C-alpha atoms as a PDB file:
ATOM      1  CA  MET A   1      83.332  65.246 -47.527  1.00  0.00           C
ATOM      2  CA  ASP A   2      86.503  63.338 -48.449  1.00  0.00           C
ATOM      3  CA  TYR A   3      86.905  59.581 -48.598  1.00  0.00           C
ATOM      4  CA  GLY A   4      89.873  57.291 -48.956  1.00  0.00           C
ATOM      5  CA  ILE A   5      91.195  53.747 -48.964  1.00  0.00           C
ATOM      6  CA  GLY A   6      94.234  52.042 -47.464  1.00  0.00           C
ATOM      7  CA  MET A   7      96.839  51.634 -50.181  1.00  0.00           C
ATOM      8  CA  LEU A   8      99.692  50.479 -47.952  1.00  0.00           C
ATOM      9  CA  SER A   9     100.100  47.209 -46.054  1.00  0.00           C
ATOM     10  CA  VAL A  10      99.309  48.875 -42.731  1.00  0.00           C
ATOM     11  CA  VAL A  11      99.090  52.487 -41.571  1.00  0.00           C
ATOM     12  CA  PRO A  12      99.092  53.540 -37.897  1.00  0.00           C
ATOM     13  CA  MET A  13      96.041  55.484 -36.740  1.00  0.00           C
ATOM     14  CA  ARG A  14      96.953  57.591 -33.727  1.00  0.00           C
ATOM     15  CA  ALA A  15      95.125  59.154 -30.800  1.00  0.00           C
ATOM     16  CA  GLU A  16      96.636  62.574 -31.523  1.00  0.00           C
ATOM     17  CA  THR A  17      98.366  64.473 -34.316  1.00  0.00           C
ATOM     18  CA  SER A  18     101.911  63.336 -33.600  1.00  0.00           C
ATOM     19  CA  ASP A  19     104.167  60.490 -34.683  1.00  0.00           C
ATOM     20  CA  LYS A  20     104.790  59.977 -30.958  1.00  0.00           C
ATOM     21  CA  ALA A  21     101.099  59.541 -30.141  1.00  0.00           C
ATOM     22  CA  GLU A  22      99.484  56.263 -29.112  1.00  0.00           C
ATOM     23  CA  ILE A  23      98.464  53.932 -31.949  1.00  0.00           C
ATOM     24  CA  VAL A  24      94.766  53.262 -31.363  1.00  0.00           C
ATOM     25  CA  THR A  25      94.266  50.995 -34.390  1.00  0.00           C
ATOM     26  CA  GLN A  26      95.593  50.468 -37.902  1.00  0.00           C
ATOM     27  CA  LEU A  27      94.337  51.108 -41.407  1.00  0.00           C
ATOM     28  CA  THR A  28      95.038  48.048 -43.530  1.00  0.00           C
ATOM     29  CA  PHE A  29      95.173  47.666 -47.289  1.00  0.00           C
ATOM     30  CA  GLY A  30      91.825  47.826 -49.077  1.00  0.00           C
ATOM     31  CA  GLU A  31      89.943  49.364 -46.141  1.00  0.00           C
ATOM     32  CA  CYS A  32      87.793  52.411 -46.884  1.00  0.00           C
ATOM     33  CA  TYR A  33      87.326  55.397 -44.608  1.00  0.00           C
ATOM     34  CA  GLU A  34      85.812  58.844 -44.302  1.00  0.00           C
ATOM     35  CA  VAL A  35      87.930  61.911 -43.519  1.00  0.00           C
ATOM     36  CA  VAL A  36      86.198  63.576 -40.563  1.00  0.00           C
ATOM     37  CA  GLY A  37      88.844  66.068 -39.418  1.00  0.00           C
ATOM     38  CA  ARG A  38      91.995  67.932 -40.421  1.00  0.00           C
ATOM     39  CA  ASP A  39      94.813  69.456 -38.401  1.00  0.00           C
ATOM     40  CA  GLY A  40      97.833  70.634 -40.378  1.00  0.00           C
ATOM     41  CA  ASN A  41      99.426  67.598 -42.013  1.00  0.00           C
ATOM     42  CA  TRP A  42      97.150  65.182 -40.178  1.00  0.00           C
ATOM     43  CA  LEU A  43      93.782  63.707 -41.154  1.00  0.00           C
ATOM     44  CA  GLN A  44      91.260  62.203 -38.765  1.00  0.00           C
ATOM     45  CA  LEU A  45      89.674  59.093 -40.235  1.00  0.00           C
ATOM     46  CA  GLN A  46      86.588  57.088 -39.441  1.00  0.00           C
ATOM     47  CA  LEU A  47      86.877  53.529 -40.731  1.00  0.00           C
ATOM     48  CA  ALA A  48      83.929  52.327 -42.766  1.00  0.00           C
ATOM     49  CA  ALA A  49      83.900  48.794 -41.365  1.00  0.00           C
ATOM     50  CA  ASP A  50      83.847  49.443 -37.615  1.00  0.00           C
ATOM     51  CA  GLY A  51      83.463  53.218 -37.207  1.00  0.00           C
ATOM     52  CA  TYR A  52      86.773  53.546 -35.348  1.00  0.00           C
ATOM     53  CA  ARG A  53      88.513  56.932 -35.428  1.00  0.00           C
ATOM     54  CA  GLY A  54      92.150  57.970 -35.428  1.00  0.00           C
ATOM     55  CA  TRP A  55      94.682  60.306 -37.032  1.00  0.00           C
ATOM     56  CA  ILE A  56      97.002  59.483 -39.936  1.00  0.00           C
ATOM     57  CA  ASP A  57      99.750  61.403 -41.703  1.00  0.00           C
ATOM     58  CA  ALA A  58      98.151  63.075 -44.734  1.00  0.00           C
ATOM     59  CA  LYS A  59     100.923  61.619 -46.934  1.00  0.00           C
ATOM     60  CA  GLN A  60      99.360  58.192 -46.367  1.00  0.00           C
ATOM     61  CA  HIS A  61      95.898  59.270 -47.563  1.00  0.00           C
ATOM     62  CA  ALA A  62      94.691  57.705 -50.833  1.00  0.00           C
ATOM     63  CA  PRO A  63      91.486  59.439 -51.977  1.00  0.00           C
ATOM     64  CA  VAL A  64      88.502  57.727 -53.568  1.00  0.00           C
ATOM     65  CA  SER A  65      85.214  59.156 -54.811  1.00  0.00           C
ATOM     66  CA  ALA A  66      82.034  59.291 -52.746  1.00  0.00           C
ATOM     67  CA  ASP A  67      80.428  56.854 -55.194  1.00  0.00           C
ATOM     68  CA  TYR A  68      83.252  54.341 -54.757  1.00  0.00           C
ATOM     69  CA  TYR A  69      83.046  54.692 -50.968  1.00  0.00           C
ATOM     70  CA  LYS A  70      79.288  54.029 -50.980  1.00  0.00           C
ATOM     71  CA  GLU A  71      79.744  51.037 -53.286  1.00  0.00           C
ATOM     72  CA  TRP A  72      82.526  49.690 -51.035  1.00  0.00           C
ATOM     73  CA  CYS A  73      80.307  50.008 -47.955  1.00  0.00           C
ATOM     74  CA  SER A  74      77.432  48.135 -49.592  1.00  0.00           C
ATOM     75  CA  THR A  75      79.588  45.196 -50.742  1.00  0.00           C
ATOM     76  CA  GLN A  76      81.031  42.286 -48.763  1.00  0.00           C
ATOM     77  CA  HIS A  77      84.654  41.950 -49.830  1.00  0.00           C
ATOM     78  CA  PRO A  78      86.910  38.880 -49.708  1.00  0.00           C
ATOM     79  CA  ARG A  79      90.007  39.030 -47.514  1.00  0.00           C
ATOM     80  CA  ALA A  80      93.567  38.024 -48.335  1.00  0.00           C
ATOM     81  CA  MET A  81      94.323  34.557 -46.954  1.00  0.00           C
ATOM     82  CA  ASP A  82      98.064  34.291 -47.662  1.00  0.00           C
ATOM     83  CA  LEU A  83     100.320  35.490 -44.857  1.00  0.00           C
ATOM     84  CA  VAL A  84     101.887  37.949 -47.322  1.00  0.00           C
ATOM     85  CA  GLN A  85     101.085  38.394 -51.003  1.00  0.00           C
ATOM     86  CA  MET A  86     101.470  41.089 -53.640  1.00  0.00           C
ATOM     87  CA  VAL A  87      98.865  43.343 -55.203  1.00  0.00           C
ATOM     88  CA  SER A  88     100.286  44.797 -58.400  1.00  0.00           C
ATOM     89  CA  ASN A  89      99.808  46.508 -61.718  1.00  0.00           C
ATOM     90  CA  ALA A  90     102.289  47.710 -64.338  1.00  0.00           C
ATOM     91  CA  ASP A  91     103.487  50.534 -62.083  1.00  0.00           C
ATOM     92  CA  VAL A  92     103.451  49.291 -58.493  1.00  0.00           C
ATOM     93  CA  ARG A  93     103.740  46.246 -56.223  1.00  0.00           C
ATOM     94  CA  ILE A  94     102.137  46.453 -52.770  1.00  0.00           C
ATOM     95  CA  PRO A  95     102.647  43.771 -50.110  1.00  0.00           C
ATOM     96  CA  VAL A  96      99.413  42.856 -48.330  1.00  0.00           C
ATOM     97  CA  GLY A  97      98.988  40.630 -45.295  1.00  0.00           C
ATOM     98  CA  ILE A  98      96.406  38.084 -44.251  1.00  0.00           C
ATOM     99  CA  GLY A  99      93.071  39.710 -43.454  1.00  0.00           C
ATOM    100  CA  CYS A 100      93.476  42.704 -45.760  1.00  0.00           C
ATOM    101  CA  TYR A 101      90.437  43.599 -47.855  1.00  0.00           C
ATOM    102  CA  LEU A 102      90.392  42.720 -51.563  1.00  0.00           C
ATOM    103  CA  PRO A 103      87.921  45.294 -52.922  1.00  0.00           C
ATOM    104  CA  PHE A 104      85.641  43.960 -55.677  1.00  0.00           C
ATOM    105  CA  PHE A 105      87.862  40.914 -56.205  1.00  0.00           C
ATOM    106  CA  ASP A 106      86.821  38.922 -59.277  1.00  0.00           C
ATOM    107  CA  GLY A 107      89.168  35.990 -58.817  1.00  0.00           C
ATOM    108  CA  MET A 108      92.105  37.637 -60.533  1.00  0.00           C
ATOM    109  CA  SER A 109      92.079  41.353 -59.770  1.00  0.00           C
ATOM    110  CA  ILE A 110      90.759  43.986 -57.384  1.00  0.00           C
ATOM    111  CA  ARG A 111      89.376  47.438 -58.208  1.00  0.00           C
ATOM    112  CA  VAL A 112      90.406  50.644 -56.451  1.00  0.00           C
ATOM    113  CA  GLY A 113      88.656  53.626 -58.000  1.00  0.00           C
ATOM    114  CA  GLU A 114      89.051  53.070 -61.735  1.00  0.00           C
ATOM    115  CA  GLU A 115      92.326  51.167 -61.358  1.00  0.00           C
ATOM    116  CA  ARG A 116      92.714  47.391 -61.509  1.00  0.00           C
ATOM    117  CA  TYR A 117      95.398  45.508 -59.569  1.00  0.00           C
ATOM    118  CA  GLN A 118      96.284  41.849 -59.919  1.00  0.00           C
ATOM    119  CA  TYR A 119      96.074  39.538 -56.922  1.00  0.00           C
ATOM    120  CA  THR A 120      97.152  35.911 -57.366  1.00  0.00           C
ATOM    121  CA  GLY A 121      96.974  34.703 -53.762  1.00  0.00           C
ATOM    122  CA  ARG A 122      94.268  32.924 -51.816  1.00  0.00           C
ATOM    123  CA  ALA A 123      91.116  34.784 -50.803  1.00  0.00           C
ATOM    124  CA  SER A 124      88.312  34.168 -48.331  1.00  0.00           C
ATOM    125  CA  ASN A 125      84.747  33.496 -49.399  1.00  0.00           C
ATOM    126  CA  PRO A 126      82.652  36.207 -47.713  1.00  0.00           C
ATOM    127  CA  SER A 127      79.340  34.620 -48.726  1.00  0.00           C
ATOM    128  CA  SER A 128      79.901  31.399 -46.780  1.00  0.00           C
ATOM    129  CA  THR A 129      78.730  30.751 -43.218  1.00  0.00           C
ATOM    130  CA  ALA A 130      81.763  30.064 -41.058  1.00  0.00           C
ATOM    131  CA  THR A 131      82.023  27.057 -38.775  1.00  0.00           C
ATOM    132  CA  ALA A 132      84.038  26.825 -35.566  1.00  0.00           C
ATOM    133  CA  ALA A 133      86.577  24.696 -37.430  1.00  0.00           C
ATOM    134  CA  GLN A 134      87.045  27.443 -40.032  1.00  0.00           C
ATOM    135  CA  LEU A 135      87.466  30.073 -37.315  1.00  0.00           C
ATOM    136  CA  LEU A 136      90.168  28.039 -35.612  1.00  0.00           C
ATOM    137  CA  LYS A 137      91.910  27.294 -38.916  1.00  0.00           C
ATOM    138  CA  VAL A 138      92.114  31.037 -39.625  1.00  0.00           C
ATOM    139  CA  ALA A 139      93.201  31.804 -36.061  1.00  0.00           C
ATOM    140  CA  ASN A 140      96.082  29.315 -36.248  1.00  0.00           C
ATOM    141  CA  ASN A 141      97.712  31.504 -38.918  1.00  0.00           C
ATOM    142  CA  PHE A 142      98.341  34.139 -36.246  1.00  0.00           C
ATOM    143  CA  LEU A 143     100.149  31.976 -33.695  1.00  0.00           C
ATOM    144  CA  LYS A 144     103.402  33.651 -32.597  1.00  0.00           C
ATOM    145  CA  ALA A 145     102.377  36.990 -34.138  1.00  0.00           C
ATOM    146  CA  PRO A 146     103.903  39.625 -31.825  1.00  0.00           C
ATOM    147  CA  TYR A 147     101.698  41.713 -29.569  1.00  0.00           C
ATOM    148  CA  LEU A 148     101.321  45.354 -30.576  1.00  0.00           C
ATOM    149  CA  TRP A 149      98.941  47.794 -28.883  1.00  0.00           C
ATOM    150  CA  GLY A 150      96.528  48.975 -31.579  1.00  0.00           C
ATOM    151  CA  GLY A 151      97.842  46.416 -34.079  1.00  0.00           C
ATOM    152  CA  LYS A 152      95.770  44.322 -36.440  1.00  0.00           C
ATOM    153  CA  SER A 153      98.253  42.600 -38.738  1.00  0.00           C
ATOM    154  CA  ILE A 154     100.298  39.406 -38.689  1.00  0.00           C
ATOM    155  CA  PHE A 155     103.368  41.503 -37.810  1.00  0.00           C
ATOM    156  CA  GLY A 156     101.802  43.122 -34.741  1.00  0.00           C
ATOM    157  CA  ILE A 157      98.381  42.607 -33.213  1.00  0.00           C
ATOM    158  CA  ASP A 158      96.494  43.206 -29.969  1.00  0.00           C
ATOM    159  CA  CYS A 159      93.896  40.976 -28.328  1.00  0.00           C
ATOM    160  CA  SER A 160      90.786  42.544 -29.864  1.00  0.00           C
ATOM    161  CA  GLY A 161      92.527  43.147 -33.190  1.00  0.00           C
ATOM    162  CA  PHE A 162      93.170  39.402 -33.299  1.00  0.00           C
ATOM    163  CA  THR A 163      89.550  38.418 -32.650  1.00  0.00           C
ATOM    164  CA  GLN A 164      88.198  41.133 -34.951  1.00  0.00           C
ATOM    165  CA  LEU A 165      90.481  40.000 -37.775  1.00  0.00           C
ATOM    166  CA  VAL A 166      89.710  36.292 -37.370  1.00  0.00           C
ATOM    167  CA  PHE A 167      85.954  36.860 -37.327  1.00  0.00           C
ATOM    168  CA  GLY A 168      86.215  39.431 -40.144  1.00  0.00           C
ATOM    169  CA  ILE A 169      88.019  36.981 -42.424  1.00  0.00           C
ATOM    170  CA  CYS A 170      85.186  34.529 -41.706  1.00  0.00           C
ATOM    171  CA  GLY A 171      82.532  37.097 -42.611  1.00  0.00           C
ATOM    172  CA  TYR A 172      81.432  38.545 -39.253  1.00  0.00           C
ATOM    173  CA  GLN A 173      82.198  42.164 -38.369  1.00  0.00           C
ATOM    174  CA  LEU A 174      83.068  42.687 -34.714  1.00  0.00           C
ATOM    175  CA  PRO A 175      83.727  46.124 -33.211  1.00  0.00           C
ATOM    176  CA  ARG A 176      87.363  47.085 -32.611  1.00  0.00           C
ATOM    177  CA  ASP A 177      87.789  46.956 -28.826  1.00  0.00           C
ATOM    178  CA  ALA A 178      87.129  44.124 -26.371  1.00  0.00           C
ATOM    179  CA  TYR A 179      84.666  46.178 -24.291  1.00  0.00           C
ATOM    180  CA  GLN A 180      82.679  46.773 -27.505  1.00  0.00           C
ATOM    181  CA  GLN A 181      82.909  43.200 -28.773  1.00  0.00           C
ATOM    182  CA  VAL A 182      81.394  41.805 -25.578  1.00  0.00           C
ATOM    183  CA  SER A 183      77.993  43.206 -26.583  1.00  0.00           C
ATOM    184  CA  HIS A 184      77.824  40.672 -29.415  1.00  0.00           C
ATOM    185  CA  GLY A 185      76.616  37.107 -29.107  1.00  0.00           C
ATOM    186  CA  GLU A 186      74.811  34.950 -26.561  1.00  0.00           C
ATOM    187  CA  GLU A 187      76.158  34.404 -23.050  1.00  0.00           C
ATOM    188  CA  VAL A 188      77.619  31.015 -22.151  1.00  0.00           C
ATOM    189  CA  HIS A 189      77.004  30.667 -18.426  1.00  0.00           C
ATOM    190  CA  PHE A 190      79.698  28.143 -17.471  1.00  0.00           C
ATOM    191  CA  VAL A 191      83.212  27.673 -18.777  1.00  0.00           C
ATOM    192  CA  THR A 192      82.543  23.916 -18.988  1.00  0.00           C
ATOM    193  CA  GLN A 193      79.825  24.703 -21.566  1.00  0.00           C
ATOM    194  CA  ALA A 194      82.145  26.773 -23.756  1.00  0.00           C
ATOM    195  CA  GLN A 195      82.719  25.536 -27.291  1.00  0.00           C
ATOM    196  CA  PRO A 196      85.541  26.140 -29.775  1.00  0.00           C
ATOM    197  CA  GLY A 197      84.952  29.496 -31.469  1.00  0.00           C
ATOM    198  CA  ASP A 198      83.388  31.162 -28.423  1.00  0.00           C
ATOM    199  CA  LEU A 199      84.879  34.445 -27.223  1.00  0.00           C
ATOM    200  CA  ALA A 200      86.014  34.748 -23.608  1.00  0.00           C
ATOM    201  CA  TYR A 201      86.295  38.207 -22.029  1.00  0.00           C
ATOM    202  CA  PHE A 202      88.387  39.260 -19.061  1.00  0.00           C
ATOM    203  CA  SER A 203      88.201  42.240 -16.735  1.00  0.00           C
ATOM    204  CA  ASN A 204      90.606  44.381 -14.736  1.00  0.00           C
ATOM    205  CA  PRO A 205      90.257  44.961 -10.954  1.00  0.00           C
ATOM    206  CA  GLU A 206      87.801  47.810 -11.642  1.00  0.00           C
ATOM    207  CA  GLY A 207      85.532  45.428 -13.563  1.00  0.00           C
ATOM    208  CA  ARG A 208      86.205  46.859 -17.042  1.00  0.00           C
ATOM    209  CA  ILE A 209      86.549  44.455 -19.963  1.00  0.00           C
ATOM    210  CA  THR A 210      90.176  44.744 -21.075  1.00  0.00           C
ATOM    211  CA  HIS A 211      91.003  41.434 -22.787  1.00  0.00           C
ATOM    212  CA  VAL A 212      89.467  38.882 -25.149  1.00  0.00           C
ATOM    213  CA  GLY A 213      90.482  35.517 -26.543  1.00  0.00           C
ATOM    214  CA  LEU A 214      89.213  32.695 -28.731  1.00  0.00           C
ATOM    215  CA  VAL A 215      88.126  29.499 -26.971  1.00  0.00           C
ATOM    216  CA  LEU A 216      89.672  26.257 -28.251  1.00  0.00           C
ATOM    217  CA  GLU A 217      89.016  22.614 -27.461  1.00  0.00           C
ATOM    218  CA  GLY A 218      90.119  21.078 -24.184  1.00  0.00           C
ATOM    219  CA  GLN A 219      89.660  24.216 -22.079  1.00  0.00           C
ATOM    220  CA  GLN A 220      92.319  26.140 -23.929  1.00  0.00           C
ATOM    221  CA  ILE A 221      92.295  29.672 -25.288  1.00  0.00           C
ATOM    222  CA  MET A 222      94.174  31.488 -28.056  1.00  0.00           C
ATOM    223  CA  HIS A 223      94.854  35.148 -27.319  1.00  0.00           C
ATOM    224  CA  ALA A 224      97.325  37.960 -27.922  1.00  0.00           C
ATOM    225  CA  HIS A 225      99.426  38.448 -24.793  1.00  0.00           C
ATOM    226  CA  GLY A 226     103.042  39.196 -25.612  1.00  0.00           C
ATOM    227  CA  GLU A 227     102.360  37.119 -28.696  1.00  0.00           C
ATOM    228  CA  VAL A 228      99.402  35.179 -30.053  1.00  0.00           C
ATOM    229  CA  ARG A 229      99.628  32.102 -27.842  1.00  0.00           C
ATOM    230  CA  ILE A 230      97.624  29.230 -26.382  1.00  0.00           C
ATOM    231  CA  ASP A 231      96.999  28.969 -22.644  1.00  0.00           C
ATOM    232  CA  THR A 232      94.659  27.124 -20.276  1.00  0.00           C
ATOM    233  CA  LEU A 233      91.181  28.526 -19.546  1.00  0.00           C
ATOM    234  CA  ASP A 234      89.163  27.723 -16.415  1.00  0.00           C
ATOM    235  CA  HIS A 235      86.461  29.385 -14.304  1.00  0.00           C
ATOM    236  CA  ASN A 236      89.031  31.737 -12.775  1.00  0.00           C
ATOM    237  CA  GLY A 237      90.567  32.916 -16.036  1.00  0.00           C
ATOM    238  CA  ILE A 238      93.686  32.308 -18.133  1.00  0.00           C
ATOM    239  CA  TYR A 239      96.442  30.254 -16.533  1.00  0.00           C
ATOM    240  CA  ASN A 240      99.951  30.730 -17.917  1.00  0.00           C
ATOM    241  CA  ALA A 241     101.787  27.455 -17.268  1.00  0.00           C
ATOM    242  CA  GLU A 242     105.192  28.975 -18.092  1.00  0.00           C
ATOM    243  CA  ARG A 243     104.829  31.652 -15.423  1.00  0.00           C
ATOM    244  CA  LYS A 244     102.763  29.442 -13.120  1.00  0.00           C
ATOM    245  CA  ARG A 245     100.134  32.080 -12.489  1.00  0.00           C
ATOM    246  CA  TYR A 246      96.857  33.484 -13.775  1.00  0.00           C
ATOM    247  CA  SER A 247      97.306  36.335 -16.237  1.00  0.00           C
ATOM    248  CA  HIS A 248      93.640  37.371 -16.713  1.00  0.00           C
ATOM    249  CA  ASN A 249      90.416  37.147 -14.697  1.00  0.00           C
ATOM    250  CA  LEU A 250      87.434  35.659 -16.536  1.00  0.00           C
ATOM    251  CA  ARG A 251      84.366  37.897 -16.768  1.00  0.00           C
ATOM    252  CA  ILE A 252      82.056  36.360 -19.385  1.00  0.00           C
ATOM    253  CA  ILE A 253      81.947  34.016 -22.392  1.00  0.00           C
ATOM    254  CA  LYS A 254      79.873  34.811 -25.487  1.00  0.00           C
ATOM    255  CA  ARG A 255      78.896  32.723 -28.515  1.00  0.00           C
ATOM    256  CA  ILE A 256      78.558  34.374 -31.929  1.00  0.00           C
ATOM    257  CA  HIS A 257      75.902  32.948 -34.247  1.00  0.00           C
ATOM    258  CA  PHE A 258      76.756  33.529 -37.908  1.00  0.00           C
END
């Protein structure tokens, strides 16, 4: 069995073995994975953090040992908190974005395999218990980030990538997709009882959960829709004041307890 780690800022993981295929998610710097399939110059990965699968170009594979992979999986790693910062050693400089993993960070450097890389930016504290205020402070970093299907970086993100990244930075691992995330937390029965930091889920006409956003104060919601933006939330759903119409139909609100 082969294992690897993201050694680039962000790598597209695709539904099929083609550069034209749908991006289903992204592999970000510092994120470990297992290689579960091969097809020519393509590798199928399963991400260690959320179990999500997709195909990457084999040229973007950075192998690590089975021992390193197991150690990575059993450790809670800090995340990069600067919008963009450099990880570097004497030979290479790698730009990393907010939310990227900092494997085995000791305050000055990270460890990938046997190599050490310097990191001088801000990092999250994975051992702390996040408050709603901390969640919203992290989320505010992503305002105006452009929407990208399958994206989970400041330069392109989808609705569930946004919520997964915000909660991940604060120490809580959500699944990748909205329909998976909705299984977490305790139901909030009325929108008037929602609190900042709750997650609101929205369904399509067939009743399938297709969208998620982060509840703010004053019946507002932050979500990725064209961009990471703030709109009004009520018992019907999300109201876009610019377009003067509802963009999403509310299905359920859940509260995560850290």
